[in-house]
């Protein structure tokens, strides 16, 4: 049973926000793209994974 915004079991954070590189040496941030989770993106600067900035 869905129990979060958009039926994502509480993981959907909405359309706004930023994605941040998981490499602490890089720290690159970019605007979150609607309908594309940050964890599916790669950092354009160093190639590491991206995560949603809290």
PDB file of N, CA and C in Angstrom:
ATOM      1  N   UNK A   1       0.841  -1.183   0.000  1.00  0.00           N
ATOM      2  CA  UNK A   1       0.000   0.000   0.000  1.00  0.00           C
ATOM      3  C   UNK A   1       0.887   1.247   0.000  1.00  0.00           C
ATOM      4  N   UNK A   2       0.668   2.189  -0.929  1.00  0.00           N
ATOM      5  CA  UNK A   2       1.460   3.408  -0.974  1.00  0.00           C
ATOM      6  C   UNK A   2       1.205   4.278   0.254  1.00  0.00           C
ATOM      7  N   UNK A   3       2.234   4.853   0.782  1.00  0.00           N
ATOM      8  CA  UNK A   3       2.079   5.731   1.930  1.00  0.00           C
ATOM      9  C   UNK A   3       3.041   6.915   1.870  1.00  0.00           C
ATOM     10  N   UNK A   4       3.136   7.518   0.713  1.00  0.00           N
ATOM     11  CA  UNK A   4       3.969   8.704   0.548  1.00  0.00           C
ATOM     12  C   UNK A   4       3.507   9.490  -0.650  1.00  0.00           C
ATOM     13  N   UNK A   5       4.035  10.649  -0.822  1.00  0.00           N
ATOM     14  CA  UNK A   5       3.686  11.476  -1.961  1.00  0.00           C
ATOM     15  C   UNK A   5       4.008  10.739  -3.254  1.00  0.00           C
ATOM     16  N   UNK A   6       3.065  10.657  -4.141  1.00  0.00           N
ATOM     17  CA  UNK A   6       3.279  10.006  -5.425  1.00  0.00           C
ATOM     18  C   UNK A   6       3.336   8.487  -5.356  1.00  0.00           C
ATOM     19  N   UNK A   7       2.949   7.903  -4.230  1.00  0.00           N
ATOM     20  CA  UNK A   7       2.941   6.455  -4.109  1.00  0.00           C
ATOM     21  C   UNK A   7       4.330   5.838  -4.038  1.00  0.00           C
ATOM     22  N   UNK A   8       5.332   6.598  -3.660  1.00  0.00           N
ATOM     23  CA  UNK A   8       6.699   6.099  -3.624  1.00  0.00           C
ATOM     24  C   UNK A   8       7.115   5.643  -2.224  1.00  0.00           C
ATOM     25  N   UNK A   9       6.138   5.304  -1.392  1.00  0.00           N
ATOM     26  CA  UNK A   9       6.399   4.816  -0.032  1.00  0.00           C
ATOM     27  C   UNK A   9       7.239   5.796   0.793  1.00  0.00           C
ATOM     28  N   UNK A  10       6.952   7.090   0.623  1.00  0.00           N
ATOM     29  CA  UNK A  10       7.603   8.096   1.450  1.00  0.00           C
ATOM     30  C   UNK A  10       8.929   8.601   0.933  1.00  0.00           C
ATOM     31  N   UNK A  11       9.414   8.099  -0.204  1.00  0.00           N
ATOM     32  CA  UNK A  11      10.718   8.506  -0.703  1.00  0.00           C
ATOM     33  C   UNK A  11      10.664   9.697  -1.649  1.00  0.00           C
ATOM     34  N   UNK A  12       9.512   9.984  -2.235  1.00  0.00           N
ATOM     35  CA  UNK A  12       9.392  11.106  -3.160  1.00  0.00           C
ATOM     36  C   UNK A  12       9.578  12.408  -2.404  1.00  0.00           C
ATOM     37  N   UNK A  13      10.447  13.281  -2.928  1.00  0.00           N
ATOM     38  CA  UNK A  13      10.752  14.522  -2.234  1.00  0.00           C
ATOM     39  C   UNK A  13      10.207  15.742  -2.970  1.00  0.00           C
ATOM     40  N   UNK A  14       9.435  15.530  -4.008  1.00  0.00           N
ATOM     41  CA  UNK A  14       8.853  16.641  -4.739  1.00  0.00           C
ATOM     42  C   UNK A  14       9.727  17.071  -5.911  1.00  0.00           C
ATOM     43  N   UNK A  15       9.238  18.017  -6.710  1.00  0.00           N
ATOM     44  CA  UNK A  15       9.921  18.398  -7.934  1.00  0.00           C
ATOM     45  C   UNK A  15      11.103  19.346  -7.757  1.00  0.00           C
ATOM     46  N   UNK A  16      11.174  20.039  -6.625  1.00  0.00           N
ATOM     47  CA  UNK A  16      12.242  21.013  -6.417  1.00  0.00           C
ATOM     48  C   UNK A  16      13.409  20.400  -5.659  1.00  0.00           C
ATOM     49  N   UNK A  17      14.508  21.110  -5.611  1.00  0.00           N
ATOM     50  CA  UNK A  17      15.655  20.665  -4.834  1.00  0.00           C
ATOM     51  C   UNK A  17      16.898  20.521  -5.683  1.00  0.00           C
ATOM     52  N   UNK A  18      17.908  19.916  -5.084  1.00  0.00           N
ATOM     53  CA  UNK A  18      19.188  19.746  -5.750  1.00  0.00           C
ATOM     54  C   UNK A  18      19.692  18.322  -5.604  1.00  0.00           C
ATOM     55  N   UNK A  19      20.523  17.926  -6.547  1.00  0.00           N
ATOM     56  CA  UNK A  19      21.246  16.671  -6.480  1.00  0.00           C
ATOM     57  C   UNK A  19      22.695  17.023  -6.154  1.00  0.00           C
ATOM     58  N   UNK A  20      23.350  16.193  -5.343  1.00  0.00           N
ATOM     59  CA  UNK A  20      24.735  16.443  -4.947  1.00  0.00           C
ATOM     60  C   UNK A  20      25.574  15.205  -5.222  1.00  0.00           C
ATOM     61  N   UNK A  21      26.812  15.420  -5.622  1.00  0.00           N
ATOM     62  CA  UNK A  21      27.741  14.340  -5.906  1.00  0.00           C
ATOM     63  C   UNK A  21      28.089  13.606  -4.614  1.00  0.00           C
ATOM     64  N   UNK A  22      28.209  12.276  -4.704  1.00  0.00           N
ATOM     65  CA  UNK A  22      28.537  11.479  -3.521  1.00  0.00           C
ATOM     66  C   UNK A  22      30.026  11.525  -3.175  1.00  0.00           C
ATOM     67  N   UNK A  23      30.860  12.027  -4.066  1.00  0.00           N
ATOM     68  CA  UNK A  23      32.300  12.137  -3.796  1.00  0.00           C
ATOM     69  C   UNK A  23      32.548  13.398  -2.969  1.00  0.00           C
ATOM     70  N   UNK A  24      32.966  13.263  -1.709  1.00  0.00           N
ATOM     71  CA  UNK A  24      33.159  14.438  -0.859  1.00  0.00           C
ATOM     72  C   UNK A  24      34.233  15.404  -1.375  1.00  0.00           C
ATOM     73  N   UNK A  25      35.169  14.914  -2.179  1.00  0.00           N
ATOM     74  CA  UNK A  25      36.195  15.790  -2.749  1.00  0.00           C
ATOM     75  C   UNK A  25      35.618  16.669  -3.854  1.00  0.00           C
ATOM     76  N   UNK A  26      34.577  16.185  -4.511  1.00  0.00           N
ATOM     77  CA  UNK A  26      33.959  16.905  -5.628  1.00  0.00           C
ATOM     78  C   UNK A  26      32.892  17.873  -5.112  1.00  0.00           C
ATOM     79  N   UNK A  27      31.815  17.342  -4.513  1.00  0.00           N
ATOM     80  CA  UNK A  27      30.759  18.172  -3.949  1.00  0.00           C
ATOM     81  C   UNK A  27      29.910  18.925  -4.962  1.00  0.00           C
ATOM     82  N   UNK A  28      29.960  18.543  -6.229  1.00  0.00           N
ATOM     83  CA  UNK A  28      29.186  19.220  -7.280  1.00  0.00           C
ATOM     84  C   UNK A  28      27.688  19.120  -6.992  1.00  0.00           C
ATOM     85  N   UNK A  29      26.966  20.214  -7.187  1.00  0.00           N
ATOM     86  CA  UNK A  29      25.510  20.207  -7.045  1.00  0.00           C
ATOM     87  C   UNK A  29      24.876  20.689  -8.340  1.00  0.00           C
ATOM     88  N   UNK A  30      23.667  20.189  -8.591  1.00  0.00           N
ATOM     89  CA  UNK A  30      22.908  20.611  -9.768  1.00  0.00           C
ATOM     90  C   UNK A  30      21.433  20.564  -9.432  1.00  0.00           C
ATOM     91  N   UNK A  31      20.637  21.284 -10.184  1.00  0.00           N
ATOM     92  CA  UNK A  31      19.197  21.290  -9.962  1.00  0.00           C
ATOM     93  C   UNK A  31      18.623  19.917 -10.250  1.00  0.00           C
ATOM     94  N   UNK A  32      17.668  19.519  -9.408  1.00  0.00           N
ATOM     95  CA  UNK A  32      16.995  18.241  -9.595  1.00  0.00           C
ATOM     96  C   UNK A  32      16.096  18.310 -10.819  1.00  0.00           C
ATOM     97  N   UNK A  33      16.146  17.287 -11.667  1.00  0.00           N
ATOM     98  CA  UNK A  33      15.283  17.206 -12.838  1.00  0.00           C
ATOM     99  C   UNK A  33      14.025  16.434 -12.474  1.00  0.00           C
ATOM    100  N   UNK A  34      12.886  17.021 -12.772  1.00  0.00           N
ATOM    101  CA  UNK A  34      11.613  16.369 -12.473  1.00  0.00           C
ATOM    102  C   UNK A  34      11.526  15.013 -13.167  1.00  0.00           C
ATOM    103  N   UNK A  35      10.999  14.037 -12.456  1.00  0.00           N
ATOM    104  CA  UNK A  35      10.775  12.669 -12.952  1.00  0.00           C
ATOM    105  C   UNK A  35      12.064  11.895 -13.215  1.00  0.00           C
ATOM    106  N   UNK A  36      13.214  12.413 -12.739  1.00  0.00           N
ATOM    107  CA  UNK A  36      14.482  11.699 -12.886  1.00  0.00           C
ATOM    108  C   UNK A  36      15.172  11.680 -11.526  1.00  0.00           C
ATOM    109  N   UNK A  37      15.140  10.541 -10.826  1.00  0.00           N
ATOM    110  CA  UNK A  37      15.762  10.475  -9.508  1.00  0.00           C
ATOM    111  C   UNK A  37      17.256  10.790  -9.563  1.00  0.00           C
ATOM    112  N   UNK A  38      17.732  11.505  -8.564  1.00  0.00           N
ATOM    113  CA  UNK A  38      19.152  11.872  -8.507  1.00  0.00           C
ATOM    114  C   UNK A  38      20.049  10.637  -8.549  1.00  0.00           C
ATOM    115  N   UNK A  39      19.621   9.548  -7.883  1.00  0.00           N
ATOM    116  CA  UNK A  39      20.462   8.356  -7.822  1.00  0.00           C
ATOM    117  C   UNK A  39      20.645   7.689  -9.182  1.00  0.00           C
ATOM    118  N   UNK A  40      19.856   8.084 -10.180  1.00  0.00           N
ATOM    119  CA  UNK A  40      20.025   7.546 -11.530  1.00  0.00           C
ATOM    120  C   UNK A  40      20.977   8.406 -12.364  1.00  0.00           C
ATOM    121  N   UNK A  41      21.455   9.513 -11.803  1.00  0.00           N
ATOM    122  CA  UNK A  41      22.311  10.433 -12.542  1.00  0.00           C
ATOM    123  C   UNK A  41      23.771  10.272 -12.127  1.00  0.00           C
ATOM    124  N   UNK A  42      24.670  10.615 -13.024  1.00  0.00           N
ATOM    125  CA  UNK A  42      26.104  10.621 -12.746  1.00  0.00           C
ATOM    126  C   UNK A  42      26.581  12.073 -12.718  1.00  0.00           C
ATOM    127  N   UNK A  43      27.554  12.344 -11.879  1.00  0.00           N
ATOM    128  CA  UNK A  43      28.113  13.688 -11.772  1.00  0.00           C
ATOM    129  C   UNK A  43      28.809  14.054 -13.082  1.00  0.00           C
ATOM    130  N   UNK A  44      28.463  15.199 -13.686  1.00  0.00           N
ATOM    131  CA  UNK A  44      29.103  15.594 -14.933  1.00  0.00           C
ATOM    132  C   UNK A  44      30.561  16.029 -14.734  1.00  0.00           C
ATOM    133  N   UNK A  45      30.942  16.300 -13.501  1.00  0.00           N
ATOM    134  CA  UNK A  45      32.307  16.746 -13.203  1.00  0.00           C
ATOM    135  C   UNK A  45      33.269  15.584 -12.982  1.00  0.00           C
ATOM    136  N   UNK A  46      32.844  14.554 -12.185  1.00  0.00           N
ATOM    137  CA  UNK A  46      33.776  13.469 -11.859  1.00  0.00           C
ATOM    138  C   UNK A  46      33.248  12.079 -12.195  1.00  0.00           C
ATOM    139  N   UNK A  47      31.968  11.935 -12.531  1.00  0.00           N
ATOM    140  CA  UNK A  47      31.408  10.647 -12.917  1.00  0.00           C
ATOM    141  C   UNK A  47      30.850   9.809 -11.775  1.00  0.00           C
ATOM    142  N   UNK A  48      30.935  10.307 -10.531  1.00  0.00           N
ATOM    143  CA  UNK A  48      30.378   9.579  -9.386  1.00  0.00           C
ATOM    144  C   UNK A  48      28.857   9.652  -9.396  1.00  0.00           C
ATOM    145  N   UNK A  49      28.239   8.862  -8.548  1.00  0.00           N
ATOM    146  CA  UNK A  49      26.773   8.882  -8.414  1.00  0.00           C
ATOM    147  C   UNK A  49      26.329  10.177  -7.760  1.00  0.00           C
ATOM    148  N   UNK A  50      25.075  10.522  -7.997  1.00  0.00           N
ATOM    149  CA  UNK A  50      24.466  11.692  -7.381  1.00  0.00           C
ATOM    150  C   UNK A  50      23.397  11.216  -6.408  1.00  0.00           C
ATOM    151  N   UNK A  51      23.100  12.015  -5.378  1.00  0.00           N
ATOM    152  CA  UNK A  51      22.018  11.751  -4.426  1.00  0.00           C
ATOM    153  C   UNK A  51      21.257  13.049  -4.214  1.00  0.00           C
ATOM    154  N   UNK A  52      20.056  12.924  -3.687  1.00  0.00           N
ATOM    155  CA  UNK A  52      19.230  14.107  -3.406  1.00  0.00           C
ATOM    156  C   UNK A  52      19.776  14.830  -2.191  1.00  0.00           C
ATOM    157  N   UNK A  53      19.968  16.133  -2.314  1.00  0.00           N
ATOM    158  CA  UNK A  53      20.447  16.944  -1.202  1.00  0.00           C
ATOM    159  C   UNK A  53      19.300  17.163  -0.221  1.00  0.00           C
ATOM    160  N   UNK A  54      19.545  16.897   1.058  1.00  0.00           N
ATOM    161  CA  UNK A  54      18.501  17.030   2.086  1.00  0.00           C
ATOM    162  C   UNK A  54      18.293  18.468   2.477  1.00  0.00           C
TER     163      UNK A  54
END
